[in-house]
Amino acid sequence: MLSKAMASSSAELTVVIDTPVTSEQASLPPAMELYRIRRREQKAQRLHHAAIAQLKQELHRRWCFKPPSPGSLHDRSDQD
């Protein structure tokens, strides 16, 4: 099982190293390029999580603090 994981990761590394995007990336040592790719992916993931958190917060704010509309379940003036 371990040998499969190692083979898989080395194949992924080869693909990443063999497919440079820019001439600057092509001139970097493989370890530095992998570091930069990981950092870029982490940044994208942080931005993604922040956007989701912001959307959840906005939905919560709209749902919980919306004033009741006339005739809604919250309007109990006609139950006297």
PDB file of N, CA and C in Angstrom:
ATOM      1  N   MET A   1       0.824  -1.196   0.000  1.00  0.00           N
ATOM      2  CA  MET A   1       0.000   0.000   0.000  1.00  0.00           C
ATOM      3  C   MET A   1       0.865   1.256   0.000  1.00  0.00           C
ATOM      4  N   LEU A   2       1.932   1.224   0.782  1.00  0.00           N
ATOM      5  CA  LEU A   2       2.828   2.369   0.846  1.00  0.00           C
ATOM      6  C   LEU A   2       3.514   2.595  -0.495  1.00  0.00           C
ATOM      7  N   SER A   3       3.914   1.526  -1.168  1.00  0.00           N
ATOM      8  CA  SER A   3       4.594   1.681  -2.449  1.00  0.00           C
ATOM      9  C   SER A   3       3.665   2.311  -3.491  1.00  0.00           C
ATOM     10  N   LYS A   4       2.376   2.001  -3.429  1.00  0.00           N
ATOM     11  CA  LYS A   4       1.430   2.614  -4.361  1.00  0.00           C
ATOM     12  C   LYS A   4       1.324   4.116  -4.107  1.00  0.00           C
ATOM     13  N   ALA A   5       1.272   4.499  -2.842  1.00  0.00           N
ATOM     14  CA  ALA A   5       1.178   5.919  -2.507  1.00  0.00           C
ATOM     15  C   ALA A   5       2.432   6.652  -2.949  1.00  0.00           C
ATOM     16  N   MET A   6       3.589   6.029  -2.745  1.00  0.00           N
ATOM     17  CA  MET A   6       4.839   6.665  -3.150  1.00  0.00           C
ATOM     18  C   MET A   6       4.898   6.779  -4.671  1.00  0.00           C
ATOM     19  N   ALA A   7       4.492   5.759  -5.361  1.00  0.00           N
ATOM     20  CA  ALA A   7       4.504   5.801  -6.820  1.00  0.00           C
ATOM     21  C   ALA A   7       3.539   6.868  -7.325  1.00  0.00           C
ATOM     22  N   SER A   8       2.396   6.954  -6.685  1.00  0.00           N
ATOM     23  CA  SER A   8       1.406   7.942  -7.086  1.00  0.00           C
ATOM     24  C   SER A   8       1.938   9.352  -6.873  1.00  0.00           C
ATOM     25  N   SER A   9       2.531   9.606  -5.710  1.00  0.00           N
ATOM     26  CA  SER A   9       3.019  10.956  -5.441  1.00  0.00           C
ATOM     27  C   SER A   9       4.195  11.300  -6.340  1.00  0.00           C
ATOM     28  N   SER A  10       5.071  10.347  -6.640  1.00  0.00           N
ATOM     29  CA  SER A  10       6.191  10.661  -7.523  1.00  0.00           C
ATOM     30  C   SER A  10       5.691  10.933  -8.939  1.00  0.00           C
ATOM     31  N   ALA A  11       4.639  10.261  -9.355  1.00  0.00           N
ATOM     32  CA  ALA A  11       4.064  10.540 -10.671  1.00  0.00           C
ATOM     33  C   ALA A  11       3.476  11.947 -10.699  1.00  0.00           C
ATOM     34  N   GLU A  12       2.828  12.338  -9.622  1.00  0.00           N
ATOM     35  CA  GLU A  12       2.272  13.688  -9.548  1.00  0.00           C
ATOM     36  C   GLU A  12       3.385  14.723  -9.571  1.00  0.00           C
ATOM     37  N   LEU A  13       4.463  14.446  -8.851  1.00  0.00           N
ATOM     38  CA  LEU A  13       5.586  15.374  -8.834  1.00  0.00           C
ATOM     39  C   LEU A  13       6.172  15.519 -10.228  1.00  0.00           C
ATOM     40  N   THR A  14       6.304  14.440 -10.924  1.00  0.00           N
ATOM     41  CA  THR A  14       6.850  14.483 -12.275  1.00  0.00           C
ATOM     42  C   THR A  14       5.973  15.328 -13.188  1.00  0.00           C
ATOM     43  N   VAL A  15       4.673  15.172 -13.067  1.00  0.00           N
ATOM     44  CA  VAL A  15       3.760  15.951 -13.897  1.00  0.00           C
ATOM     45  C   VAL A  15       3.900  17.429 -13.588  1.00  0.00           C
ATOM     46  N   VAL A  16       3.968  17.774 -12.314  1.00  0.00           N
ATOM     47  CA  VAL A  16       4.088  19.175 -11.919  1.00  0.00           C
ATOM     48  C   VAL A  16       5.398  19.756 -12.415  1.00  0.00           C
ATOM     49  N   ILE A  17       6.479  19.030 -12.256  1.00  0.00           N
ATOM     50  CA  ILE A  17       7.796  19.529 -12.650  1.00  0.00           C
ATOM     51  C   ILE A  17       7.916  19.606 -14.169  1.00  0.00           C
ATOM     52  N   ASP A  18       7.350  18.651 -14.876  1.00  0.00           N
ATOM     53  CA  ASP A  18       7.493  18.601 -16.329  1.00  0.00           C
ATOM     54  C   ASP A  18       6.546  19.535 -17.080  1.00  0.00           C
ATOM     55  N   THR A  19       5.655  20.206 -16.375  1.00  0.00           N
ATOM     56  CA  THR A  19       4.723  21.101 -17.052  1.00  0.00           C
ATOM     57  C   THR A  19       4.844  22.511 -16.491  1.00  0.00           C
ATOM     58  N   PRO A  20       5.950  23.200 -16.779  1.00  0.00           N
ATOM     59  CA  PRO A  20       6.099  24.566 -16.277  1.00  0.00           C
ATOM     60  C   PRO A  20       5.099  25.504 -16.956  1.00  0.00           C
ATOM     61  N   VAL A  21       4.659  26.490 -16.192  1.00  0.00           N
ATOM     62  CA  VAL A  21       3.672  27.429 -16.717  1.00  0.00           C
ATOM     63  C   VAL A  21       4.364  28.637 -17.332  1.00  0.00           C
ATOM     64  N   THR A  22       5.419  29.110 -16.683  1.00  0.00           N
ATOM     65  CA  THR A  22       6.151  30.273 -17.185  1.00  0.00           C
ATOM     66  C   THR A  22       7.636  29.956 -17.233  1.00  0.00           C
ATOM     67  N   SER A  23       8.393  30.807 -17.895  1.00  0.00           N
ATOM     68  CA  SER A  23       9.842  30.597 -17.960  1.00  0.00           C
ATOM     69  C   SER A  23      10.463  30.774 -16.578  1.00  0.00           C
ATOM     70  N   GLU A  24       9.874  31.646 -15.752  1.00  0.00           N
ATOM     71  CA  GLU A  24      10.376  31.826 -14.384  1.00  0.00           C
ATOM     72  C   GLU A  24      10.221  30.531 -13.592  1.00  0.00           C
ATOM     73  N   GLN A  25       9.071  29.899 -13.720  1.00  0.00           N
ATOM     74  CA  GLN A  25       8.835  28.647 -13.011  1.00  0.00           C
ATOM     75  C   GLN A  25       9.729  27.542 -13.547  1.00  0.00           C
ATOM     76  N   ALA A  26      10.026  27.555 -14.826  1.00  0.00           N
ATOM     77  CA  ALA A  26      10.873  26.518 -15.417  1.00  0.00           C
ATOM     78  C   ALA A  26      12.291  26.600 -14.885  1.00  0.00           C
ATOM     79  N   SER A  27      12.732  27.800 -14.502  1.00  0.00           N
ATOM     80  CA  SER A  27      14.102  27.961 -14.025  1.00  0.00           C
ATOM     81  C   SER A  27      14.241  27.688 -12.530  1.00  0.00           C
ATOM     82  N   LEU A  28      13.133  27.535 -11.811  1.00  0.00           N
ATOM     83  CA  LEU A  28      13.200  27.276 -10.375  1.00  0.00           C
ATOM     84  C   LEU A  28      13.559  25.822 -10.100  1.00  0.00           C
ATOM     85  N   PRO A  29      14.233  25.583  -8.976  1.00  0.00           N
ATOM     86  CA  PRO A  29      14.453  24.191  -8.566  1.00  0.00           C
ATOM     87  C   PRO A  29      13.102  23.532  -8.269  1.00  0.00           C
ATOM     88  N   PRO A  30      12.990  22.227  -8.483  1.00  0.00           N
ATOM     89  CA  PRO A  30      11.701  21.546  -8.285  1.00  0.00           C
ATOM     90  C   PRO A  30      11.094  21.760  -6.896  1.00  0.00           C
ATOM     91  N   ALA A  31      11.899  21.718  -5.852  1.00  0.00           N
ATOM     92  CA  ALA A  31      11.361  21.891  -4.500  1.00  0.00           C
ATOM     93  C   ALA A  31      10.754  23.279  -4.328  1.00  0.00           C
ATOM     94  N   MET A  32      11.405  24.294  -4.869  1.00  0.00           N
ATOM     95  CA  MET A  32      10.892  25.662  -4.757  1.00  0.00           C
ATOM     96  C   MET A  32       9.592  25.809  -5.543  1.00  0.00           C
ATOM     97  N   GLU A  33       9.538  25.204  -6.709  1.00  0.00           N
ATOM     98  CA  GLU A  33       8.311  25.273  -7.507  1.00  0.00           C
ATOM     99  C   GLU A  33       7.159  24.585  -6.788  1.00  0.00           C
ATOM    100  N   LEU A  34       7.409  23.429  -6.198  1.00  0.00           N
ATOM    101  CA  LEU A  34       6.363  22.732  -5.445  1.00  0.00           C
ATOM    102  C   LEU A  34       5.910  23.567  -4.261  1.00  0.00           C
ATOM    103  N   TYR A  35       6.844  24.227  -3.591  1.00  0.00           N
ATOM    104  CA  TYR A  35       6.508  25.100  -2.467  1.00  0.00           C
ATOM    105  C   TYR A  35       5.582  26.224  -2.944  1.00  0.00           C
ATOM    106  N   ARG A  36       5.920  26.842  -4.062  1.00  0.00           N
ATOM    107  CA  ARG A  36       5.101  27.944  -4.582  1.00  0.00           C
ATOM    108  C   ARG A  36       3.714  27.457  -4.992  1.00  0.00           C
ATOM    109  N   ILE A  37       3.639  26.269  -5.575  1.00  0.00           N
ATOM    110  CA  ILE A  37       2.340  25.711  -5.964  1.00  0.00           C
ATOM    111  C   ILE A  37       1.491  25.455  -4.727  1.00  0.00           C
ATOM    112  N   ARG A  38       2.102  24.873  -3.698  1.00  0.00           N
ATOM    113  CA  ARG A  38       1.352  24.610  -2.457  1.00  0.00           C
ATOM    114  C   ARG A  38       0.860  25.904  -1.831  1.00  0.00           C
ATOM    115  N   ARG A  39       1.717  26.916  -1.795  1.00  0.00           N
ATOM    116  CA  ARG A  39       1.318  28.202  -1.207  1.00  0.00           C
ATOM    117  C   ARG A  39       0.159  28.824  -1.987  1.00  0.00           C
ATOM    118  N   ARG A  40       0.204  28.742  -3.301  1.00  0.00           N
ATOM    119  CA  ARG A  40      -0.868  29.285  -4.133  1.00  0.00           C
ATOM    120  C   ARG A  40      -2.169  28.528  -3.884  1.00  0.00           C
ATOM    121  N   GLU A  41      -2.086  27.203  -3.768  1.00  0.00           N
ATOM    122  CA  GLU A  41      -3.280  26.400  -3.483  1.00  0.00           C
ATOM    123  C   GLU A  41      -3.839  26.717  -2.101  1.00  0.00           C
ATOM    124  N   GLN A  42      -2.949  26.910  -1.116  1.00  0.00           N
ATOM    125  CA  GLN A  42      -3.400  27.252   0.237  1.00  0.00           C
ATOM    126  C   GLN A  42      -4.095  28.608   0.240  1.00  0.00           C
ATOM    127  N   LYS A  43      -3.547  29.559  -0.499  1.00  0.00           N
ATOM    128  CA  LYS A  43      -4.158  30.887  -0.566  1.00  0.00           C
ATOM    129  C   LYS A  43      -5.545  30.800  -1.205  1.00  0.00           C
ATOM    130  N   ALA A  44      -5.648  30.039  -2.279  1.00  0.00           N
ATOM    131  CA  ALA A  44      -6.948  29.872  -2.934  1.00  0.00           C
ATOM    132  C   ALA A  44      -7.943  29.208  -1.990  1.00  0.00           C
ATOM    133  N   GLN A  45      -7.479  28.230  -1.226  1.00  0.00           N
ATOM    134  CA  GLN A  45      -8.361  27.540  -0.283  1.00  0.00           C
ATOM    135  C   GLN A  45      -8.813  28.491   0.826  1.00  0.00           C
ATOM    136  N   ARG A  46      -7.896  29.325   1.331  1.00  0.00           N
ATOM    137  CA  ARG A  46      -8.275  30.303   2.366  1.00  0.00           C
ATOM    138  C   ARG A  46      -9.313  31.282   1.828  1.00  0.00           C
ATOM    139  N   LEU A  47      -9.099  31.766   0.608  1.00  0.00           N
ATOM    140  CA  LEU A  47     -10.061  32.692   0.013  1.00  0.00           C
ATOM    141  C   LEU A  47     -11.417  32.018  -0.185  1.00  0.00           C
ATOM    142  N   HIS A  48     -11.399  30.771  -0.595  1.00  0.00           N
ATOM    143  CA  HIS A  48     -12.635  30.008  -0.788  1.00  0.00           C
ATOM    144  C   HIS A  48     -13.390  29.869   0.531  1.00  0.00           C
ATOM    145  N   HIS A  49     -12.664  29.485   1.588  1.00  0.00           N
ATOM    146  CA  HIS A  49     -13.304  29.323   2.897  1.00  0.00           C
ATOM    147  C   HIS A  49     -13.817  30.659   3.429  1.00  0.00           C
ATOM    148  N   ALA A  50     -13.058  31.730   3.200  1.00  0.00           N
ATOM    149  CA  ALA A  50     -13.495  33.049   3.653  1.00  0.00           C
ATOM    150  C   ALA A  50     -14.764  33.480   2.919  1.00  0.00           C
ATOM    151  N   ALA A  51     -14.837  33.203   1.629  1.00  0.00           N
ATOM    152  CA  ALA A  51     -16.027  33.566   0.856  1.00  0.00           C
ATOM    153  C   ALA A  51     -17.245  32.784   1.338  1.00  0.00           C
ATOM    154  N   ILE A  52     -17.067  31.508   1.624  1.00  0.00           N
ATOM    155  CA  ILE A  52     -18.176  30.692   2.132  1.00  0.00           C
ATOM    156  C   ILE A  52     -18.629  31.205   3.492  1.00  0.00           C
ATOM    157  N   ALA A  53     -17.681  31.527   4.364  1.00  0.00           N
ATOM    158  CA  ALA A  53     -18.028  32.046   5.688  1.00  0.00           C
ATOM    159  C   ALA A  53     -18.791  33.360   5.572  1.00  0.00           C
ATOM    160  N   GLN A  54     -18.361  34.216   4.654  1.00  0.00           N
ATOM    161  CA  GLN A  54     -19.041  35.493   4.466  1.00  0.00           C
ATOM    162  C   GLN A  54     -20.470  35.278   3.954  1.00  0.00           C
ATOM    163  N   LEU A  55     -20.648  34.361   3.024  1.00  0.00           N
ATOM    164  CA  LEU A  55     -21.998  34.065   2.524  1.00  0.00           C
ATOM    165  C   LEU A  55     -22.891  33.503   3.621  1.00  0.00           C
ATOM    166  N   LYS A  56     -22.351  32.602   4.432  1.00  0.00           N
ATOM    167  CA  LYS A  56     -23.133  32.037   5.535  1.00  0.00           C
ATOM    168  C   LYS A  56     -23.543  33.127   6.517  1.00  0.00           C
ATOM    169  N   GLN A  57     -22.607  34.023   6.807  1.00  0.00           N
ATOM    170  CA  GLN A  57     -22.894  35.111   7.738  1.00  0.00           C
ATOM    171  C   GLN A  57     -23.997  36.015   7.179  1.00  0.00           C
ATOM    172  N   GLU A  58     -23.916  36.324   5.896  1.00  0.00           N
ATOM    173  CA  GLU A  58     -24.926  37.176   5.275  1.00  0.00           C
ATOM    174  C   GLU A  58     -26.293  36.492   5.252  1.00  0.00           C
ATOM    175  N   LEU A  59     -26.325  35.206   4.933  1.00  0.00           N
ATOM    176  CA  LEU A  59     -27.594  34.472   4.951  1.00  0.00           C
ATOM    177  C   LEU A  59     -28.181  34.425   6.359  1.00  0.00           C
ATOM    178  N   HIS A  60     -27.334  34.202   7.342  1.00  0.00           N
ATOM    179  CA  HIS A  60     -27.795  34.166   8.729  1.00  0.00           C
ATOM    180  C   HIS A  60     -28.360  35.528   9.131  1.00  0.00           C
ATOM    181  N   ARG A  61     -27.652  36.587   8.758  1.00  0.00           N
ATOM    182  CA  ARG A  61     -28.102  37.935   9.099  1.00  0.00           C
ATOM    183  C   ARG A  61     -29.456  38.220   8.455  1.00  0.00           C
ATOM    184  N   ARG A  62     -29.603  37.870   7.203  1.00  0.00           N
ATOM    185  CA  ARG A  62     -30.873  38.130   6.514  1.00  0.00           C
ATOM    186  C   ARG A  62     -32.003  37.283   7.078  1.00  0.00           C
ATOM    187  N   TRP A  63     -31.712  36.045   7.419  1.00  0.00           N
ATOM    188  CA  TRP A  63     -32.753  35.133   7.903  1.00  0.00           C
ATOM    189  C   TRP A  63     -33.193  35.501   9.318  1.00  0.00           C
ATOM    190  N   CYS A  64     -32.243  35.789  10.204  1.00  0.00           N
ATOM    191  CA  CYS A  64     -32.561  35.996  11.621  1.00  0.00           C
ATOM    192  C   CYS A  64     -33.053  37.400  11.939  1.00  0.00           C
ATOM    193  N   PHE A  65     -32.645  38.398  11.213  1.00  0.00           N
ATOM    194  CA  PHE A  65     -32.961  39.769  11.583  1.00  0.00           C
ATOM    195  C   PHE A  65     -33.915  40.443  10.609  1.00  0.00           C
ATOM    196  N   LYS A  66     -34.566  39.662   9.781  1.00  0.00           N
ATOM    197  CA  LYS A  66     -35.523  40.225   8.839  1.00  0.00           C
ATOM    198  C   LYS A  66     -36.807  40.559   9.592  1.00  0.00           C
ATOM    199  N   PRO A  67     -37.294  41.786   9.473  1.00  0.00           N
ATOM    200  CA  PRO A  67     -38.539  42.128  10.167  1.00  0.00           C
ATOM    201  C   PRO A  67     -39.695  41.319   9.581  1.00  0.00           C
ATOM    202  N   PRO A  68     -40.628  40.899  10.419  1.00  0.00           N
ATOM    203  CA  PRO A  68     -41.747  40.090   9.923  1.00  0.00           C
ATOM    204  C   PRO A  68     -42.616  40.900   8.965  1.00  0.00           C
ATOM    205  N   SER A  69     -43.061  40.248   7.932  1.00  0.00           N
ATOM    206  CA  SER A  69     -43.927  40.926   6.970  1.00  0.00           C
ATOM    207  C   SER A  69     -45.376  40.818   7.443  1.00  0.00           C
ATOM    208  N   PRO A  70     -46.235  41.735   7.033  1.00  0.00           N
ATOM    209  CA  PRO A  70     -47.650  41.663   7.434  1.00  0.00           C
ATOM    210  C   PRO A  70     -48.268  40.346   6.964  1.00  0.00           C
ATOM    211  N   GLY A  71     -49.010  39.704   7.859  1.00  0.00           N
ATOM    212  CA  GLY A  71     -49.650  38.442   7.517  1.00  0.00           C
ATOM    213  C   GLY A  71     -48.755  37.230   7.668  1.00  0.00           C
ATOM    214  N   SER A  72     -47.542  37.425   8.152  1.00  0.00           N
ATOM    215  CA  SER A  72     -46.647  36.276   8.320  1.00  0.00           C
ATOM    216  C   SER A  72     -46.968  35.556   9.624  1.00  0.00           C
ATOM    217  N   LEU A  73     -46.316  34.463   9.869  1.00  0.00           N
ATOM    218  CA  LEU A  73     -46.540  33.699  11.098  1.00  0.00           C
ATOM    219  C   LEU A  73     -46.157  34.491  12.344  1.00  0.00           C
ATOM    220  N   HIS A  74     -45.286  35.473  12.183  1.00  0.00           N
ATOM    221  CA  HIS A  74     -44.835  36.264  13.327  1.00  0.00           C
ATOM    222  C   HIS A  74     -45.874  37.298  13.752  1.00  0.00           C
ATOM    223  N   ASP A  75     -46.806  37.600  12.907  1.00  0.00           N
ATOM    224  CA  ASP A  75     -47.817  38.614  13.199  1.00  0.00           C
ATOM    225  C   ASP A  75     -48.950  37.960  13.982  1.00  0.00           C
ATOM    226  N   ARG A  76     -49.037  38.242  15.280  1.00  0.00           N
ATOM    227  CA  ARG A  76     -50.033  37.595  16.136  1.00  0.00           C
ATOM    228  C   ARG A  76     -51.134  38.564  16.570  1.00  0.00           C
ATOM    229  N   SER A  77     -51.254  39.701  15.919  1.00  0.00           N
ATOM    230  CA  SER A  77     -52.249  40.695  16.328  1.00  0.00           C
ATOM    231  C   SER A  77     -53.677  40.218  16.074  1.00  0.00           C
ATOM    232  N   ASP A  78     -53.869  39.271  15.152  1.00  0.00           N
ATOM    233  CA  ASP A  78     -55.223  38.811  14.848  1.00  0.00           C
ATOM    234  C   ASP A  78     -55.642  37.606  15.687  1.00  0.00           C
ATOM    235  N   GLN A  79     -54.838  37.199  16.653  1.00  0.00           N
ATOM    236  CA  GLN A  79     -55.151  36.029  17.469  1.00  0.00           C
ATOM    237  C   GLN A  79     -55.808  36.405  18.794  1.00  0.00           C
ATOM    238  N   ASP A  80     -56.287  37.595  18.951  1.00  0.00           N
ATOM    239  CA  ASP A  80     -56.902  38.044  20.215  1.00  0.00           C
ATOM    240  C   ASP A  80     -58.227  37.437  20.458  1.00  0.00           C
TER     241      ASP A  80
END
